[in-house]
Amino acid sequence: MATPKQLRQIFAPILAEHPHLVLHRRWLIRPPIETAIIGLYIGRTSSACASAMDLSVVPLSRFTSPSTLGFNRAFEVERVIGAPAPGGPVPGWMDQPPRIFQDMFAPEYQAQLIRNFNAKVPAFLDAVRSFDDVVAWMQPFRERPLRMDFPELIDAWVATMHGEFAKASELLQAIPAWLRPNDPRMADRMEQEHAELQLILRTNDPTAIAAHLHAMEERTIAFDGLQRHWRRTPFPFER
């Protein structure tokens, strides 16, 4: 896994070409951060040289732990950009170069990274900027194969952002109710995880709810050390 210092060296040409971007720890972003962290996330790997990156969107006030992965789509450093992945072994596949570059310290990696970055990342950053863009990006993650969590968590967050607090509370309550017959311990854990949020939502008090959600934003921002790049922004129901 590349260290932050090594990542700065690897990404130096990209930062020189795109001076409006910032590399902080393992995030490459375009400040300011408002509704969500939107950027290229450079994942941790067990190998010293392996490359594992994602185009990632992390709503700051989402109803999960800050350590939970965002809504990610893999960013690969491809030899042929856009070429489909092979469906399985093809004749002579062991003699062919790999479809993607994975060694971040290989001599050719940096040049290929720039080529792939310019082809994919600026378009992603331009496409996901507003609250509505963030919601649109999240929608495919409600269904498999992208789904990583309960779709009700997405729906409840969106409902809250629109000021539909009772609906959001019902969606959150539906998760443990659905889990309890087969996994009562998990159901209890989910109820405990959202207990404080549920109390706030059930007040139907926009001021109290906004204060709680902004505190959740601060927690997410602090987890990744991105405070200096965050611009506190009113939620849709505050406008």
Protein backbone atom coordinates (compact mmCIF):
# COMPACT_ATOMS: atom_id res chain seq x y z
CA MET A 1 0.00 0.00 0.00
CA ALA A 2 1.47 3.32 -1.06
CA THR A 3 2.08 5.81 1.74
CA PRO A 4 0.63 9.36 1.59
CA LYS A 5 4.09 10.66 0.62
CA GLN A 6 4.34 8.14 -2.22
CA LEU A 7 0.82 9.00 -3.37
CA ARG A 8 1.78 12.67 -3.59
CA GLN A 9 4.66 11.70 -5.85
CA ILE A 10 2.51 9.43 -8.02
CA PHE A 11 -0.24 12.04 -8.39
CA ALA A 12 2.07 15.06 -8.73
CA PRO A 13 1.61 15.37 -12.54
CA ILE A 14 -2.19 15.20 -12.15
CA LEU A 15 -2.17 17.89 -9.46
CA ALA A 16 0.07 20.06 -11.63
CA GLU A 17 -2.33 19.68 -14.57
CA HIS A 18 -5.42 20.17 -12.38
CA PRO A 19 -4.41 22.78 -9.75
CA HIS A 20 -8.00 23.11 -8.49
CA LEU A 21 -7.82 19.56 -7.12
CA VAL A 22 -6.48 18.56 -3.70
CA LEU A 23 -4.93 15.28 -2.56
CA HIS A 24 -5.48 14.83 1.18
CA ARG A 25 -4.52 11.52 2.74
CA ARG A 26 -6.29 9.02 0.48
CA TRP A 27 -8.83 11.40 -1.10
CA LEU A 28 -8.40 13.39 -4.29
CA ILE A 29 -11.17 16.00 -4.29
CA ARG A 30 -12.28 19.28 -5.79
CA PRO A 31 -13.06 21.64 -2.89
CA PRO A 32 -15.27 22.80 -1.41
CA ILE A 33 -17.01 19.78 0.09
CA GLU A 34 -20.69 20.50 0.69
CA THR A 35 -23.39 17.79 0.73
CA ALA A 36 -20.96 14.93 0.19
CA ILE A 37 -17.33 14.01 -0.22
CA ILE A 38 -17.03 13.52 -3.98
CA GLY A 39 -13.75 12.34 -5.39
CA LEU A 40 -11.27 9.62 -6.17
CA TYR A 41 -10.64 7.42 -3.15
CA ILE A 42 -7.34 5.56 -3.09
CA GLY A 43 -8.00 2.40 -1.13
CA ARG A 44 -5.76 0.61 1.30
CA THR A 45 -4.37 -2.70 0.06
CA SER A 46 -2.44 -5.60 1.55
CA SER A 47 0.20 -5.28 -1.16
CA ALA A 48 2.85 -2.54 -1.08
CA CYS A 49 2.36 -1.65 -4.73
CA ALA A 50 -1.24 -2.59 -5.52
CA SER A 51 -3.64 -0.03 -6.96
CA ALA A 52 -7.26 -0.01 -5.77
CA MET A 53 -9.22 3.17 -6.46
CA ASP A 54 -12.85 4.21 -6.68
CA LEU A 55 -14.94 7.11 -7.87
CA SER A 56 -16.69 7.65 -4.56
CA VAL A 57 -19.58 9.68 -3.14
CA VAL A 58 -19.99 9.87 0.64
CA PRO A 59 -23.01 11.93 1.82
CA LEU A 60 -21.78 13.65 4.96
CA SER A 61 -24.96 13.13 7.00
CA ARG A 62 -25.82 9.62 5.79
CA PHE A 63 -27.22 7.25 8.39
CA THR A 64 -24.18 4.95 8.72
CA SER A 65 -20.82 4.99 10.46
CA PRO A 66 -18.15 7.34 9.03
CA SER A 67 -15.91 4.32 8.54
CA THR A 68 -18.36 2.70 6.12
CA LEU A 69 -17.33 2.82 2.47
CA GLY A 70 -19.05 5.33 0.24
CA PHE A 71 -21.10 4.71 -2.88
CA ASN A 72 -18.21 3.58 -5.06
CA ARG A 73 -17.57 2.65 -8.66
CA ALA A 74 -14.17 1.19 -9.45
CA PHE A 75 -11.61 3.41 -11.15
CA GLU A 76 -9.22 1.20 -13.10
CA VAL A 77 -6.04 2.20 -14.91
CA GLU A 78 -6.87 0.40 -18.15
CA ARG A 79 -4.57 -0.41 -21.02
CA VAL A 80 -7.49 0.15 -23.41
CA ILE A 81 -9.96 2.58 -21.88
CA GLY A 82 -13.50 1.26 -22.01
CA ALA A 83 -12.60 -2.23 -23.21
CA PRO A 84 -14.93 -4.79 -21.61
CA ALA A 85 -13.46 -7.16 -19.08
CA PRO A 86 -13.10 -10.68 -20.50
CA GLY A 87 -15.84 -13.03 -19.45
CA GLY A 88 -13.33 -15.74 -18.58
CA PRO A 89 -10.00 -17.18 -19.66
CA VAL A 90 -9.39 -16.86 -23.38
CA PRO A 91 -6.85 -18.78 -25.45
CA GLY A 92 -3.35 -17.56 -24.70
CA TRP A 93 -4.52 -15.35 -21.84
CA MET A 94 -1.45 -16.14 -19.73
CA ASP A 95 0.78 -14.68 -22.44
CA GLN A 96 -1.25 -11.46 -22.73
CA PRO A 97 -0.50 -8.34 -20.66
CA PRO A 98 -3.08 -7.77 -17.88
CA ARG A 99 -6.09 -5.64 -18.80
CA ILE A 100 -5.30 -3.07 -16.13
CA PHE A 101 -2.17 -1.60 -14.56
CA GLN A 102 -2.04 -2.55 -10.89
CA ASP A 103 1.54 -1.82 -9.80
CA MET A 104 1.63 1.83 -8.72
CA PHE A 105 5.44 1.79 -8.81
CA ALA A 106 5.83 0.35 -12.29
CA PRO A 107 7.69 2.70 -14.69
CA GLU A 108 4.71 3.08 -17.04
CA TYR A 109 2.05 3.43 -14.32
CA GLN A 110 2.15 7.19 -13.88
CA ALA A 111 1.69 7.95 -17.60
CA GLN A 112 -1.19 5.49 -17.83
CA LEU A 113 -2.75 6.90 -14.65
CA ILE A 114 -2.82 10.41 -16.16
CA ARG A 115 -4.39 9.11 -19.36
CA ASN A 116 -7.13 7.24 -17.49
CA PHE A 117 -7.64 10.06 -15.00
CA ASN A 118 -8.26 12.65 -17.70
CA ALA A 119 -10.65 10.31 -19.49
CA LYS A 120 -12.80 9.57 -16.45
CA VAL A 121 -12.38 11.68 -13.33
CA PRO A 122 -13.11 15.25 -14.55
CA ALA A 123 -16.37 14.05 -16.12
CA PHE A 124 -17.34 12.36 -12.84
CA LEU A 125 -16.55 15.48 -10.80
CA ASP A 126 -18.58 17.62 -13.20
CA ALA A 127 -21.53 15.22 -13.14
CA VAL A 128 -21.84 14.88 -9.33
CA ARG A 129 -21.93 18.33 -7.74
CA SER A 130 -25.39 19.27 -6.43
CA PHE A 131 -27.65 17.54 -3.91
CA ASP A 132 -29.77 16.17 -6.78
CA ASP A 133 -26.62 14.82 -8.45
CA VAL A 134 -25.66 13.02 -5.24
CA VAL A 135 -29.13 11.45 -4.96
CA ALA A 136 -29.00 10.35 -8.61
CA TRP A 137 -25.58 8.74 -8.08
CA MET A 138 -26.88 6.80 -5.07
CA GLN A 139 -29.99 5.35 -6.71
CA PRO A 140 -28.33 2.37 -8.48
CA PHE A 141 -26.91 1.30 -5.11
CA ARG A 142 -30.41 0.45 -3.93
CA GLU A 143 -30.33 -2.66 -6.13
CA ARG A 144 -27.92 -5.51 -6.76
CA PRO A 145 -25.19 -5.89 -7.88
CA LEU A 146 -24.18 -2.48 -6.47
CA ARG A 147 -26.21 -2.70 -3.27
CA MET A 148 -24.00 -2.82 -0.17
CA ASP A 149 -26.52 -2.03 2.57
CA PHE A 150 -30.24 -1.69 3.24
CA PRO A 151 -31.86 0.46 0.52
CA GLU A 152 -34.09 1.93 3.24
CA LEU A 153 -31.01 3.76 4.56
CA ILE A 154 -30.73 5.62 1.27
CA ASP A 155 -34.47 6.25 1.08
CA ALA A 156 -34.63 7.47 4.69
CA TRP A 157 -31.74 9.89 4.16
CA VAL A 158 -33.34 11.30 0.99
CA ALA A 159 -36.71 11.63 2.74
CA THR A 160 -35.06 13.50 5.61
CA MET A 161 -33.29 15.86 3.23
CA HIS A 162 -36.72 16.71 1.75
CA GLY A 163 -38.22 17.33 5.19
CA GLU A 164 -40.29 14.11 5.21
CA PHE A 165 -39.27 13.23 8.75
CA ALA A 166 -42.10 10.83 9.60
CA LYS A 167 -41.47 8.88 6.40
CA ALA A 168 -37.75 8.69 7.19
CA SER A 169 -38.48 7.37 10.68
CA GLU A 170 -40.81 4.69 9.31
CA LEU A 171 -38.16 3.57 6.80
CA LEU A 172 -35.52 3.27 9.52
CA GLN A 173 -37.92 1.33 11.74
CA ALA A 174 -38.70 -1.06 8.90
CA ILE A 175 -35.13 -2.39 8.87
CA PRO A 176 -35.07 -3.98 12.37
CA ALA A 177 -38.70 -5.06 11.95
CA TRP A 178 -37.70 -6.97 8.82
CA LEU A 179 -34.55 -8.39 10.46
CA ARG A 180 -35.98 -9.42 13.81
CA PRO A 181 -37.61 -12.78 12.91
CA ASN A 182 -34.34 -14.18 11.56
CA ASP A 183 -31.65 -12.10 13.28
CA PRO A 184 -32.87 -10.47 16.50
CA ARG A 185 -29.36 -9.47 17.57
CA MET A 186 -28.79 -7.59 14.33
CA ALA A 187 -32.22 -5.99 14.68
CA ASP A 188 -31.33 -4.80 18.19
CA ARG A 189 -28.03 -3.41 16.93
CA MET A 190 -29.74 -1.48 14.14
CA GLU A 191 -32.29 -0.04 16.57
CA GLN A 192 -29.55 1.05 18.95
CA GLU A 193 -27.52 2.55 16.10
CA HIS A 194 -30.42 4.76 15.05
CA ALA A 195 -32.02 5.36 18.45
CA GLU A 196 -30.80 8.95 18.87
CA LEU A 197 -31.58 9.81 15.26
CA GLN A 198 -35.07 8.35 15.60
CA LEU A 199 -35.74 10.45 18.71
CA ILE A 200 -34.73 13.58 16.83
CA LEU A 201 -36.75 12.72 13.70
CA ARG A 202 -39.87 12.06 15.75
CA THR A 203 -39.78 15.57 17.19
CA ASN A 204 -40.56 16.83 13.66
CA ASP A 205 -38.56 19.92 14.63
CA PRO A 206 -36.56 21.09 11.58
CA THR A 207 -34.17 23.15 13.69
CA ALA A 208 -33.29 20.28 16.04
CA ILE A 209 -33.05 17.81 13.16
CA ALA A 210 -30.77 20.10 11.17
CA ALA A 211 -28.50 20.61 14.19
CA HIS A 212 -28.22 16.83 14.67
CA LEU A 213 -27.48 16.20 10.99
CA HIS A 214 -24.85 18.94 10.84
CA ALA A 215 -23.16 17.26 13.80
CA MET A 216 -23.19 14.01 11.82
CA GLU A 217 -21.57 15.89 8.92
CA GLU A 218 -18.82 17.15 11.22
CA ARG A 219 -18.17 13.58 12.37
CA THR A 220 -17.80 12.35 8.79
CA ILE A 221 -15.53 15.23 7.80
CA ALA A 222 -13.35 14.75 10.89
CA PHE A 223 -12.98 11.02 10.20
CA ASP A 224 -11.10 11.82 6.99
CA GLY A 225 -9.47 15.01 8.28
CA LEU A 226 -11.12 17.16 5.61
CA GLN A 227 -12.33 20.01 7.84
CA ARG A 228 -10.44 22.75 6.00
CA HIS A 229 -12.13 21.79 2.72
CA TRP A 230 -15.71 21.65 4.06
CA ARG A 231 -18.21 24.45 3.45
CA ARG A 232 -21.19 23.96 5.74
CA THR A 233 -24.28 24.07 3.51
CA PRO A 234 -27.99 24.20 4.44
CA PHE A 235 -29.95 21.01 3.87
CA PRO A 236 -32.74 21.18 1.29
CA PHE A 237 -35.38 21.32 4.05
CA GLU A 238 -33.58 24.32 5.60
CA ARG A 239 -33.82 26.40 2.43
